[in-house]
Amino acid sequence: MRSDSLREGLPFSVSIARSGRSLVICPQGELDLATSPAMEQAVMQAVARSDGAGRIEAVVLDLEGLEFIDLVGARSIYRCEQIARAHDLRFSAVRPREQARRLFELCGSLISSR
């Protein structure tokens, strides 16, 4: 899945892989107003497809590839968590960069910094 960011020349993509009983979702680029719908759609589609392809137990959102995240992007991560939980899946967001970590601290969100 690919979308263009609001900032010029910074593409956004989402890769999804299965690791054991987990879906690992890796967004790359900037997560903002323009790109959040693409990430949410990718998560919804991946979770829906996995229902028939062997049960998964968790969704792991690997944030290391995000160069930038704004409040809309943070809300999108929360929506991804809601999508996972609606399918009775555990959810974790891991490896945020410093800017994302600070944003989540300001928002009072709990995020793993593994």
PDB file of N, CA and C in Angstrom:
ATOM      1  N   MET A   1       0.852  -1.162   0.000  1.00  0.00           N
ATOM      2  CA  MET A   1       0.000   0.000   0.000  1.00  0.00           C
ATOM      3  C   MET A   1       0.903   1.231   0.000  1.00  0.00           C
ATOM      4  N   ARG A   2       0.590   2.208  -0.845  1.00  0.00           N
ATOM      5  CA  ARG A   2       1.434   3.393  -0.957  1.00  0.00           C
ATOM      6  C   ARG A   2       0.555   4.627  -1.063  1.00  0.00           C
ATOM      7  N   SER A   3       1.004   5.685  -0.437  1.00  0.00           N
ATOM      8  CA  SER A   3       0.299   6.962  -0.485  1.00  0.00           C
ATOM      9  C   SER A   3       1.349   8.061  -0.433  1.00  0.00           C
ATOM     10  N   ASP A   4       1.010   9.243  -0.918  1.00  0.00           N
ATOM     11  CA  ASP A   4       1.945  10.355  -0.819  1.00  0.00           C
ATOM     12  C   ASP A   4       1.682  11.146   0.438  1.00  0.00           C
ATOM     13  N   SER A   5       2.739  11.633   1.056  1.00  0.00           N
ATOM     14  CA  SER A   5       2.644  12.443   2.264  1.00  0.00           C
ATOM     15  C   SER A   5       2.289  13.876   1.906  1.00  0.00           C
ATOM     16  N   LEU A   6       1.829  14.631   2.903  1.00  0.00           N
ATOM     17  CA  LEU A   6       1.568  16.053   2.690  1.00  0.00           C
ATOM     18  C   LEU A   6       2.851  16.804   2.373  1.00  0.00           C
ATOM     19  N   ARG A   7       3.963  16.334   2.892  1.00  0.00           N
ATOM     20  CA  ARG A   7       5.247  16.977   2.607  1.00  0.00           C
ATOM     21  C   ARG A   7       5.777  16.439   1.296  1.00  0.00           C
ATOM     22  N   GLU A   8       6.372  17.281   0.508  1.00  0.00           N
ATOM     23  CA  GLU A   8       6.831  16.889  -0.815  1.00  0.00           C
ATOM     24  C   GLU A   8       7.940  15.848  -0.767  1.00  0.00           C
ATOM     25  N   GLY A   9       7.843  14.862  -1.658  1.00  0.00           N
ATOM     26  CA  GLY A   9       8.921  13.916  -1.870  1.00  0.00           C
ATOM     27  C   GLY A   9       9.109  12.858  -0.806  1.00  0.00           C
ATOM     28  N   LEU A  10       8.196  12.738   0.145  1.00  0.00           N
ATOM     29  CA  LEU A  10       8.356  11.726   1.182  1.00  0.00           C
ATOM     30  C   LEU A  10       7.237  10.700   1.045  1.00  0.00           C
ATOM     31  N   PRO A  11       7.497   9.608   0.322  1.00  0.00           N
ATOM     32  CA  PRO A  11       6.468   8.604   0.114  1.00  0.00           C
ATOM     33  C   PRO A  11       6.167   7.840   1.407  1.00  0.00           C
ATOM     34  N   PHE A  12       5.024   7.210   1.434  1.00  0.00           N
ATOM     35  CA  PHE A  12       4.599   6.406   2.571  1.00  0.00           C
ATOM     36  C   PHE A  12       4.263   5.019   2.069  1.00  0.00           C
ATOM     37  N   SER A  13       4.687   4.023   2.808  1.00  0.00           N
ATOM     38  CA  SER A  13       4.337   2.647   2.457  1.00  0.00           C
ATOM     39  C   SER A  13       4.149   1.843   3.731  1.00  0.00           C
ATOM     40  N   VAL A  14       3.453   0.735   3.589  1.00  0.00           N
ATOM     41  CA  VAL A  14       3.227  -0.174   4.705  1.00  0.00           C
ATOM     42  C   VAL A  14       3.555  -1.578   4.229  1.00  0.00           C
ATOM     43  N   SER A  15       4.468  -2.238   4.912  1.00  0.00           N
ATOM     44  CA  SER A  15       4.729  -3.642   4.611  1.00  0.00           C
ATOM     45  C   SER A  15       4.190  -4.485   5.759  1.00  0.00           C
ATOM     46  N   ILE A  16       3.716  -5.662   5.406  1.00  0.00           N
ATOM     47  CA  ILE A  16       3.110  -6.554   6.387  1.00  0.00           C
ATOM     48  C   ILE A  16       3.696  -7.939   6.190  1.00  0.00           C
ATOM     49  N   ALA A  17       4.139  -8.528   7.276  1.00  0.00           N
ATOM     50  CA  ALA A  17       4.695  -9.881   7.235  1.00  0.00           C
ATOM     51  C   ALA A  17       4.124 -10.678   8.397  1.00  0.00           C
ATOM     52  N   ARG A  18       4.120 -11.957   8.243  1.00  0.00           N
ATOM     53  CA  ARG A  18       3.692 -12.833   9.321  1.00  0.00           C
ATOM     54  C   ARG A  18       4.934 -13.400   9.989  1.00  0.00           C
ATOM     55  N   SER A  19       4.938 -13.376  11.303  1.00  0.00           N
ATOM     56  CA  SER A  19       6.036 -13.941  12.083  1.00  0.00           C
ATOM     57  C   SER A  19       5.405 -14.822  13.158  1.00  0.00           C
ATOM     58  N   GLY A  20       5.439 -16.113  12.922  1.00  0.00           N
ATOM     59  CA  GLY A  20       4.773 -17.023  13.846  1.00  0.00           C
ATOM     60  C   GLY A  20       3.287 -16.743  13.863  1.00  0.00           C
ATOM     61  N   ARG A  21       2.760 -16.447  15.033  1.00  0.00           N
ATOM     62  CA  ARG A  21       1.331 -16.149  15.174  1.00  0.00           C
ATOM     63  C   ARG A  21       1.065 -14.639  15.257  1.00  0.00           C
ATOM     64  N   SER A  22       2.002 -13.835  14.751  1.00  0.00           N
ATOM     65  CA  SER A  22       1.853 -12.379  14.771  1.00  0.00           C
ATOM     66  C   SER A  22       1.895 -11.808  13.362  1.00  0.00           C
ATOM     67  N   LEU A  23       1.144 -10.733  13.169  1.00  0.00           N
ATOM     68  CA  LEU A  23       1.284  -9.915  11.974  1.00  0.00           C
ATOM     69  C   LEU A  23       2.190  -8.755  12.358  1.00  0.00           C
ATOM     70  N   VAL A  24       3.256  -8.548  11.604  1.00  0.00           N
ATOM     71  CA  VAL A  24       4.168  -7.437  11.860  1.00  0.00           C
ATOM     72  C   VAL A  24       3.941  -6.405  10.767  1.00  0.00           C
ATOM     73  N   ILE A  25       3.519  -5.225  11.185  1.00  0.00           N
ATOM     74  CA  ILE A  25       3.169  -4.150  10.258  1.00  0.00           C
ATOM     75  C   ILE A  25       4.225  -3.058  10.389  1.00  0.00           C
ATOM     76  N   CYS A  26       4.841  -2.715   9.250  1.00  0.00           N
ATOM     77  CA  CYS A  26       5.957  -1.765   9.255  1.00  0.00           C
ATOM     78  C   CYS A  26       5.659  -0.580   8.332  1.00  0.00           C
ATOM     79  N   PRO A  27       5.152   0.512   8.899  1.00  0.00           N
ATOM     80  CA  PRO A  27       4.968   1.711   8.083  1.00  0.00           C
ATOM     81  C   PRO A  27       6.315   2.404   7.856  1.00  0.00           C
ATOM     82  N   GLN A  28       6.474   3.004   6.681  1.00  0.00           N
ATOM     83  CA  GLN A  28       7.704   3.715   6.325  1.00  0.00           C
ATOM     84  C   GLN A  28       7.336   5.104   5.834  1.00  0.00           C
ATOM     85  N   GLY A  29       8.055   6.125   6.305  1.00  0.00           N
ATOM     86  CA  GLY A  29       7.829   7.491   5.832  1.00  0.00           C
ATOM     87  C   GLY A  29       7.218   8.351   6.918  1.00  0.00           C
ATOM     88  N   GLU A  30       6.181   9.098   6.551  1.00  0.00           N
ATOM     89  CA  GLU A  30       5.525  10.001   7.485  1.00  0.00           C
ATOM     90  C   GLU A  30       4.086   9.558   7.706  1.00  0.00           C
ATOM     91  N   LEU A  31       3.697   9.473   8.962  1.00  0.00           N
ATOM     92  CA  LEU A  31       2.326   9.106   9.310  1.00  0.00           C
ATOM     93  C   LEU A  31       1.609  10.383   9.729  1.00  0.00           C
ATOM     94  N   ASP A  32       0.723  10.862   8.843  1.00  0.00           N
ATOM     95  CA  ASP A  32       0.067  12.149   9.058  1.00  0.00           C
ATOM     96  C   ASP A  32      -1.337  12.104   8.472  1.00  0.00           C
ATOM     97  N   LEU A  33      -1.940  13.258   8.328  1.00  0.00           N
ATOM     98  CA  LEU A  33      -3.301  13.359   7.819  1.00  0.00           C
ATOM     99  C   LEU A  33      -3.464  12.652   6.471  1.00  0.00           C
ATOM    100  N   ALA A  34      -2.491  12.786   5.604  1.00  0.00           N
ATOM    101  CA  ALA A  34      -2.591  12.222   4.261  1.00  0.00           C
ATOM    102  C   ALA A  34      -2.374  10.712   4.236  1.00  0.00           C
ATOM    103  N   THR A  35      -1.579  10.185   5.157  1.00  0.00           N
ATOM    104  CA  THR A  35      -1.191   8.778   5.068  1.00  0.00           C
ATOM    105  C   THR A  35      -1.895   7.865   6.067  1.00  0.00           C
ATOM    106  N   SER A  36      -2.484   8.423   7.100  1.00  0.00           N
ATOM    107  CA  SER A  36      -3.134   7.595   8.127  1.00  0.00           C
ATOM    108  C   SER A  36      -4.201   6.664   7.565  1.00  0.00           C
ATOM    109  N   PRO A  37      -5.062   7.133   6.647  1.00  0.00           N
ATOM    110  CA  PRO A  37      -6.062   6.200   6.107  1.00  0.00           C
ATOM    111  C   PRO A  37      -5.444   4.980   5.418  1.00  0.00           C
ATOM    112  N   ALA A  38      -4.323   5.168   4.746  1.00  0.00           N
ATOM    113  CA  ALA A  38      -3.668   4.042   4.072  1.00  0.00           C
ATOM    114  C   ALA A  38      -3.180   3.011   5.086  1.00  0.00           C
ATOM    115  N   MET A  39      -2.645   3.464   6.215  1.00  0.00           N
ATOM    116  CA  MET A  39      -2.180   2.516   7.216  1.00  0.00           C
ATOM    117  C   MET A  39      -3.353   1.769   7.845  1.00  0.00           C
ATOM    118  N   GLU A  40      -4.394   2.492   8.196  1.00  0.00           N
ATOM    119  CA  GLU A  40      -5.557   1.846   8.811  1.00  0.00           C
ATOM    120  C   GLU A  40      -6.173   0.819   7.862  1.00  0.00           C
ATOM    121  N   GLN A  41      -6.267   1.167   6.590  1.00  0.00           N
ATOM    122  CA  GLN A  41      -6.819   0.239   5.608  1.00  0.00           C
ATOM    123  C   GLN A  41      -5.932  -0.998   5.479  1.00  0.00           C
ATOM    124  N   ALA A  42      -4.623  -0.814   5.469  1.00  0.00           N
ATOM    125  CA  ALA A  42      -3.704  -1.949   5.369  1.00  0.00           C
ATOM    126  C   ALA A  42      -3.870  -2.881   6.565  1.00  0.00           C
ATOM    127  N   VAL A  43      -4.016  -2.314   7.758  1.00  0.00           N
ATOM    128  CA  VAL A  43      -4.196  -3.132   8.959  1.00  0.00           C
ATOM    129  C   VAL A  43      -5.528  -3.874   8.893  1.00  0.00           C
ATOM    130  N   MET A  44      -6.594  -3.181   8.518  1.00  0.00           N
ATOM    131  CA  MET A  44      -7.903  -3.841   8.419  1.00  0.00           C
ATOM    132  C   MET A  44      -7.864  -5.006   7.435  1.00  0.00           C
ATOM    133  N   GLN A  45      -7.272  -4.787   6.268  1.00  0.00           N
ATOM    134  CA  GLN A  45      -7.206  -5.834   5.251  1.00  0.00           C
ATOM    135  C   GLN A  45      -6.349  -7.007   5.715  1.00  0.00           C
ATOM    136  N   ALA A  46      -5.215  -6.718   6.351  1.00  0.00           N
ATOM    137  CA  ALA A  46      -4.327  -7.786   6.808  1.00  0.00           C
ATOM    138  C   ALA A  46      -4.986  -8.626   7.889  1.00  0.00           C
ATOM    139  N   VAL A  47      -5.646  -7.975   8.817  1.00  0.00           N
ATOM    140  CA  VAL A  47      -6.320  -8.705   9.898  1.00  0.00           C
ATOM    141  C   VAL A  47      -7.463  -9.535   9.329  1.00  0.00           C
ATOM    142  N   ALA A  48      -8.230  -8.974   8.412  1.00  0.00           N
ATOM    143  CA  ALA A  48      -9.345  -9.704   7.811  1.00  0.00           C
ATOM    144  C   ALA A  48      -8.855 -10.916   7.023  1.00  0.00           C
ATOM    145  N   ARG A  49      -7.773 -10.741   6.261  1.00  0.00           N
ATOM    146  CA  ARG A  49      -7.217 -11.874   5.487  1.00  0.00           C
ATOM    147  C   ARG A  49      -6.680 -12.959   6.395  1.00  0.00           C
ATOM    148  N   SER A  50      -6.131 -12.572   7.519  1.00  0.00           N
ATOM    149  CA  SER A  50      -5.505 -13.558   8.404  1.00  0.00           C
ATOM    150  C   SER A  50      -6.545 -14.427   9.109  1.00  0.00           C
ATOM    151  N   ASP A  51      -7.781 -13.971   9.187  1.00  0.00           N
ATOM    152  CA  ASP A  51      -8.823 -14.762   9.844  1.00  0.00           C
ATOM    153  C   ASP A  51      -8.977 -16.126   9.202  1.00  0.00           C
ATOM    154  N   GLY A  52      -8.818 -16.215   7.887  1.00  0.00           N
ATOM    155  CA  GLY A  52      -8.989 -17.490   7.212  1.00  0.00           C
ATOM    156  C   GLY A  52      -7.693 -18.216   6.928  1.00  0.00           C
ATOM    157  N   ALA A  53      -6.556 -17.627   7.227  1.00  0.00           N
ATOM    158  CA  ALA A  53      -5.257 -18.202   6.850  1.00  0.00           C
ATOM    159  C   ALA A  53      -4.464 -18.644   8.075  1.00  0.00           C
ATOM    160  N   GLY A  54      -5.109 -19.318   9.004  1.00  0.00           N
ATOM    161  CA  GLY A  54      -4.394 -19.720  10.210  1.00  0.00           C
ATOM    162  C   GLY A  54      -4.464 -18.611  11.230  1.00  0.00           C
ATOM    163  N   ARG A  55      -4.893 -18.933  12.385  1.00  0.00           N
ATOM    164  CA  ARG A  55      -5.164 -17.937  13.420  1.00  0.00           C
ATOM    165  C   ARG A  55      -3.898 -17.203  13.846  1.00  0.00           C
ATOM    166  N   ILE A  56      -3.983 -15.887  13.856  1.00  0.00           N
ATOM    167  CA  ILE A  56      -2.920 -15.085  14.449  1.00  0.00           C
ATOM    168  C   ILE A  56      -3.381 -14.662  15.839  1.00  0.00           C
ATOM    169  N   GLU A  57      -2.424 -14.309  16.678  1.00  0.00           N
ATOM    170  CA  GLU A  57      -2.739 -13.931  18.052  1.00  0.00           C
ATOM    171  C   GLU A  57      -2.416 -12.474  18.350  1.00  0.00           C
ATOM    172  N   ALA A  58      -1.584 -11.846  17.499  1.00  0.00           N
ATOM    173  CA  ALA A  58      -1.131 -10.494  17.827  1.00  0.00           C
ATOM    174  C   ALA A  58      -0.845  -9.691  16.560  1.00  0.00           C
ATOM    175  N   VAL A  59      -0.974  -8.384  16.723  1.00  0.00           N
ATOM    176  CA  VAL A  59      -0.568  -7.422  15.707  1.00  0.00           C
ATOM    177  C   VAL A  59       0.549  -6.593  16.329  1.00  0.00           C
ATOM    178  N   VAL A  60       1.691  -6.546  15.649  1.00  0.00           N
ATOM    179  CA  VAL A  60       2.839  -5.771  16.122  1.00  0.00           C
ATOM    180  C   VAL A  60       3.077  -4.654  15.111  1.00  0.00           C
ATOM    181  N   LEU A  61       3.006  -3.437  15.581  1.00  0.00           N
ATOM    182  CA  LEU A  61       3.243  -2.265  14.734  1.00  0.00           C
ATOM    183  C   LEU A  61       4.667  -1.787  15.003  1.00  0.00           C
ATOM    184  N   ASP A  62       5.549  -1.985  14.032  1.00  0.00           N
ATOM    185  CA  ASP A  62       6.953  -1.604  14.155  1.00  0.00           C
ATOM    186  C   ASP A  62       7.121  -0.183  13.618  1.00  0.00           C
ATOM    187  N   LEU A  63       7.369   0.761  14.512  1.00  0.00           N
ATOM    188  CA  LEU A  63       7.402   2.182  14.164  1.00  0.00           C
ATOM    189  C   LEU A  63       8.773   2.699  13.737  1.00  0.00           C
ATOM    190  N   GLU A  64       9.760   1.844  13.693  1.00  0.00           N
ATOM    191  CA  GLU A  64      11.117   2.309  13.408  1.00  0.00           C
ATOM    192  C   GLU A  64      11.241   3.040  12.071  1.00  0.00           C
ATOM    193  N   GLY A  65      10.445   2.691  11.090  1.00  0.00           N
ATOM    194  CA  GLY A  65      10.554   3.297   9.765  1.00  0.00           C
ATOM    195  C   GLY A  65       9.830   4.621   9.610  1.00  0.00           C
ATOM    196  N   LEU A  66       9.169   5.084  10.669  1.00  0.00           N
ATOM    197  CA  LEU A  66       8.472   6.362  10.570  1.00  0.00           C
ATOM    198  C   LEU A  66       9.433   7.513  10.812  1.00  0.00           C
ATOM    199  N   GLU A  67       9.556   8.376   9.820  1.00  0.00           N
ATOM    200  CA  GLU A  67      10.404   9.559   9.924  1.00  0.00           C
ATOM    201  C   GLU A  67       9.711  10.661  10.716  1.00  0.00           C
ATOM    202  N   PHE A  68       8.373  10.661  10.667  1.00  0.00           N
ATOM    203  CA  PHE A  68       7.591  11.724  11.289  1.00  0.00           C
ATOM    204  C   PHE A  68       6.226  11.166  11.626  1.00  0.00           C
ATOM    205  N   ILE A  69       5.667  11.637  12.732  1.00  0.00           N
ATOM    206  CA  ILE A  69       4.295  11.295  13.091  1.00  0.00           C
ATOM    207  C   ILE A  69       3.669  12.517  13.760  1.00  0.00           C
ATOM    208  N   ASP A  70       2.446  12.837  13.363  1.00  0.00           N
ATOM    209  CA  ASP A  70       1.739  13.950  14.001  1.00  0.00           C
ATOM    210  C   ASP A  70       0.584  13.392  14.828  1.00  0.00           C
ATOM    211  N   LEU A  71      -0.254  14.271  15.370  1.00  0.00           N
ATOM    212  CA  LEU A  71      -1.356  13.816  16.222  1.00  0.00           C
ATOM    213  C   LEU A  71      -2.355  12.954  15.465  1.00  0.00           C
ATOM    214  N   VAL A  72      -2.570  13.240  14.194  1.00  0.00           N
ATOM    215  CA  VAL A  72      -3.462  12.407  13.395  1.00  0.00           C
ATOM    216  C   VAL A  72      -2.853  11.004  13.243  1.00  0.00           C
ATOM    217  N   GLY A  73      -1.544  10.956  13.069  1.00  0.00           N
ATOM    218  CA  GLY A  73      -0.865   9.658  12.989  1.00  0.00           C
ATOM    219  C   GLY A  73      -0.957   8.887  14.291  1.00  0.00           C
ATOM    220  N   ALA A  74      -0.823   9.588  15.410  1.00  0.00           N
ATOM    221  CA  ALA A  74      -0.951   8.939  16.720  1.00  0.00           C
ATOM    222  C   ALA A  74      -2.354   8.374  16.887  1.00  0.00           C
ATOM    223  N   ARG A  75      -3.353   9.138  16.462  1.00  0.00           N
ATOM    224  CA  ARG A  75      -4.724   8.642  16.543  1.00  0.00           C
ATOM    225  C   ARG A  75      -4.917   7.435  15.636  1.00  0.00           C
ATOM    226  N   SER A  76      -4.248   7.411  14.501  1.00  0.00           N
ATOM    227  CA  SER A  76      -4.325   6.277  13.590  1.00  0.00           C
ATOM    228  C   SER A  76      -3.767   5.009  14.247  1.00  0.00           C
ATOM    229  N   ILE A  77      -2.699   5.161  15.001  1.00  0.00           N
ATOM    230  CA  ILE A  77      -2.137   4.008  15.718  1.00  0.00           C
ATOM    231  C   ILE A  77      -3.159   3.489  16.726  1.00  0.00           C
ATOM    232  N   TYR A  78      -3.838   4.390  17.411  1.00  0.00           N
ATOM    233  CA  TYR A  78      -4.897   3.990  18.341  1.00  0.00           C
ATOM    234  C   TYR A  78      -6.003   3.237  17.594  1.00  0.00           C
ATOM    235  N   ARG A  79      -6.368   3.712  16.413  1.00  0.00           N
ATOM    236  CA  ARG A  79      -7.392   3.014  15.615  1.00  0.00           C
ATOM    237  C   ARG A  79      -6.920   1.623  15.212  1.00  0.00           C
ATOM    238  N   CYS A  80      -5.640   1.496  14.878  1.00  0.00           N
ATOM    239  CA  CYS A  80      -5.098   0.172  14.538  1.00  0.00           C
ATOM    240  C   CYS A  80      -5.206  -0.767  15.733  1.00  0.00           C
ATOM    241  N   GLU A  81      -4.955  -0.227  16.920  1.00  0.00           N
ATOM    242  CA  GLU A  81      -5.125  -1.036  18.131  1.00  0.00           C
ATOM    243  C   GLU A  81      -6.584  -1.475  18.274  1.00  0.00           C
ATOM    244  N   GLN A  82      -7.521  -0.586  18.020  1.00  0.00           N
ATOM    245  CA  GLN A  82      -8.938  -0.924  18.108  1.00  0.00           C
ATOM    246  C   GLN A  82      -9.310  -2.011  17.098  1.00  0.00           C
ATOM    247  N   ILE A  83      -8.755  -1.931  15.901  1.00  0.00           N
ATOM    248  CA  ILE A  83      -9.007  -2.943  14.876  1.00  0.00           C
ATOM    249  C   ILE A  83      -8.526  -4.302  15.366  1.00  0.00           C
ATOM    250  N   ALA A  84      -7.315  -4.337  15.897  1.00  0.00           N
ATOM    251  CA  ALA A  84      -6.762  -5.600  16.393  1.00  0.00           C
ATOM    252  C   ALA A  84      -7.623  -6.164  17.518  1.00  0.00           C
ATOM    253  N   ARG A  85      -7.956  -5.339  18.473  1.00  0.00           N
ATOM    254  CA  ARG A  85      -8.742  -5.798  19.629  1.00  0.00           C
ATOM    255  C   ARG A  85     -10.149  -6.237  19.225  1.00  0.00           C
ATOM    256  N   ALA A  86     -10.715  -5.629  18.190  1.00  0.00           N
ATOM    257  CA  ALA A  86     -12.035  -6.047  17.700  1.00  0.00           C
ATOM    258  C   ALA A  86     -11.996  -7.474  17.155  1.00  0.00           C
ATOM    259  N   HIS A  87     -10.805  -7.923  16.774  1.00  0.00           N
ATOM    260  CA  HIS A  87     -10.612  -9.296  16.287  1.00  0.00           C
ATOM    261  C   HIS A  87     -10.009 -10.187  17.373  1.00  0.00           C
ATOM    262  N   ASP A  88     -10.075  -9.726  18.617  1.00  0.00           N
ATOM    263  CA  ASP A  88      -9.531 -10.466  19.771  1.00  0.00           C
ATOM    264  C   ASP A  88      -8.037 -10.748  19.632  1.00  0.00           C
ATOM    265  N   LEU A  89      -7.302  -9.770  19.131  1.00  0.00           N
ATOM    266  CA  LEU A  89      -5.858  -9.896  18.954  1.00  0.00           C
ATOM    267  C   LEU A  89      -5.144  -8.955  19.910  1.00  0.00           C
ATOM    268  N   ARG A  90      -3.987  -9.387  20.402  1.00  0.00           N
ATOM    269  CA  ARG A  90      -3.137  -8.488  21.183  1.00  0.00           C
ATOM    270  C   ARG A  90      -2.539  -7.470  20.222  1.00  0.00           C
ATOM    271  N   PHE A  91      -2.174  -6.309  20.770  1.00  0.00           N
ATOM    272  CA  PHE A  91      -1.595  -5.248  19.953  1.00  0.00           C
ATOM    273  C   PHE A  91      -0.413  -4.645  20.686  1.00  0.00           C
ATOM    274  N   SER A  92       0.651  -4.391  19.942  1.00  0.00           N
ATOM    275  CA  SER A  92       1.767  -3.636  20.515  1.00  0.00           C
ATOM    276  C   SER A  92       2.386  -2.779  19.420  1.00  0.00           C
ATOM    277  N   ALA A  93       2.866  -1.614  19.828  1.00  0.00           N
ATOM    278  CA  ALA A  93       3.602  -0.723  18.952  1.00  0.00           C
ATOM    279  C   ALA A  93       5.017  -0.654  19.514  1.00  0.00           C
ATOM    280  N   VAL A  94       6.003  -0.959  18.678  1.00  0.00           N
ATOM    281  CA  VAL A  94       7.377  -1.085  19.154  1.00  0.00           C
ATOM    282  C   VAL A  94       8.334  -0.235  18.328  1.00  0.00           C
ATOM    283  N   ARG A  95       9.494   0.018  18.897  1.00  0.00           N
ATOM    284  CA  ARG A  95      10.637   0.676  18.268  1.00  0.00           C
ATOM    285  C   ARG A  95      10.332   2.070  17.700  1.00  0.00           C
ATOM    286  N   PRO A  96       9.651   2.925  18.469  1.00  0.00           N
ATOM    287  CA  PRO A  96       9.424   4.283  17.963  1.00  0.00           C
ATOM    288  C   PRO A  96      10.720   5.083  17.967  1.00  0.00           C
ATOM    289  N   ARG A  97      10.860   5.970  17.012  1.00  0.00           N
ATOM    290  CA  ARG A  97      11.984   6.904  17.016  1.00  0.00           C
ATOM    291  C   ARG A  97      11.725   7.961  18.085  1.00  0.00           C
ATOM    292  N   GLU A  98      12.724   8.759  18.352  1.00  0.00           N
ATOM    293  CA  GLU A  98      12.646   9.743  19.443  1.00  0.00           C
ATOM    294  C   GLU A  98      11.452  10.689  19.291  1.00  0.00           C
ATOM    295  N   GLN A  99      11.222  11.206  18.096  1.00  0.00           N
ATOM    296  CA  GLN A  99      10.114  12.141  17.898  1.00  0.00           C
ATOM    297  C   GLN A  99       8.784  11.474  18.230  1.00  0.00           C
ATOM    298  N   ALA A 100       8.589  10.247  17.775  1.00  0.00           N
ATOM    299  CA  ALA A 100       7.344   9.530  18.064  1.00  0.00           C
ATOM    300  C   ALA A 100       7.235   9.205  19.545  1.00  0.00           C
ATOM    301  N   ARG A 101       8.330   8.803  20.148  1.00  0.00           N
ATOM    302  CA  ARG A 101       8.328   8.494  21.585  1.00  0.00           C
ATOM    303  C   ARG A 101       7.904   9.726  22.393  1.00  0.00           C
ATOM    304  N   ARG A 102       8.448  10.888  22.040  1.00  0.00           N
ATOM    305  CA  ARG A 102       8.082  12.124  22.748  1.00  0.00           C
ATOM    306  C   ARG A 102       6.609  12.462  22.547  1.00  0.00           C
ATOM    307  N   LEU A 103       6.113  12.279  21.339  1.00  0.00           N
ATOM    308  CA  LEU A 103       4.705  12.547  21.066  1.00  0.00           C
ATOM    309  C   LEU A 103       3.812  11.666  21.930  1.00  0.00           C
ATOM    310  N   PHE A 104       4.146  10.383  22.018  1.00  0.00           N
ATOM    311  CA  PHE A 104       3.329   9.476  22.821  1.00  0.00           C
ATOM    312  C   PHE A 104       3.446   9.786  24.312  1.00  0.00           C
ATOM    313  N   GLU A 105       4.611  10.226  24.749  1.00  0.00           N
ATOM    314  CA  GLU A 105       4.747  10.617  26.148  1.00  0.00           C
ATOM    315  C   GLU A 105       3.860  11.831  26.442  1.00  0.00           C
ATOM    316  N   LEU A 106       3.850  12.796  25.523  1.00  0.00           N
ATOM    317  CA  LEU A 106       3.006  13.979  25.695  1.00  0.00           C
ATOM    318  C   LEU A 106       1.523  13.619  25.687  1.00  0.00           C
ATOM    319  N   CYS A 107       1.174  12.634  24.878  1.00  0.00           N
ATOM    320  CA  CYS A 107      -0.226  12.209  24.790  1.00  0.00           C
ATOM    321  C   CYS A 107      -0.602  11.276  25.940  1.00  0.00           C
ATOM    322  N   GLY A 108       0.377  10.840  26.718  1.00  0.00           N
ATOM    323  CA  GLY A 108       0.093   9.941  27.826  1.00  0.00           C
ATOM    324  C   GLY A 108      -0.131   8.510  27.400  1.00  0.00           C
ATOM    325  N   SER A 109       0.295   8.159  26.194  1.00  0.00           N
ATOM    326  CA  SER A 109       0.100   6.811  25.688  1.00  0.00           C
ATOM    327  C   SER A 109       1.211   5.891  26.174  1.00  0.00           C
ATOM    328  N   LEU A 110       0.890   4.639  26.324  1.00  0.00           N
ATOM    329  CA  LEU A 110       1.897   3.638  26.690  1.00  0.00           C
ATOM    330  C   LEU A 110       2.368   2.964  25.412  1.00  0.00           C
ATOM    331  N   ILE A 111       3.659   3.041  25.165  1.00  0.00           N
ATOM    332  CA  ILE A 111       4.208   2.424  23.974  1.00  0.00           C
ATOM    333  C   ILE A 111       5.547   1.798  24.329  1.00  0.00           C
ATOM    334  N   SER A 112       5.769   0.626  23.839  1.00  0.00           N
ATOM    335  CA  SER A 112       7.010  -0.076  24.129  1.00  0.00           C
ATOM    336  C   SER A 112       8.144   0.551  23.338  1.00  0.00           C
ATOM    337  N   SER A 113       9.306   0.660  23.940  1.00  0.00           N
ATOM    338  CA  SER A 113      10.449   1.239  23.226  1.00  0.00           C
ATOM    339  C   SER A 113      11.512   0.187  22.953  1.00  0.00           C
ATOM    340  N   ARG A 114      11.075  -1.053  22.734  1.00  0.00           N
ATOM    341  CA  ARG A 114      12.015  -2.140  22.437  1.00  0.00           C
ATOM    342  C   ARG A 114      12.760  -1.879  21.175  1.00  0.00           C
TER     343      ARG A 114
END
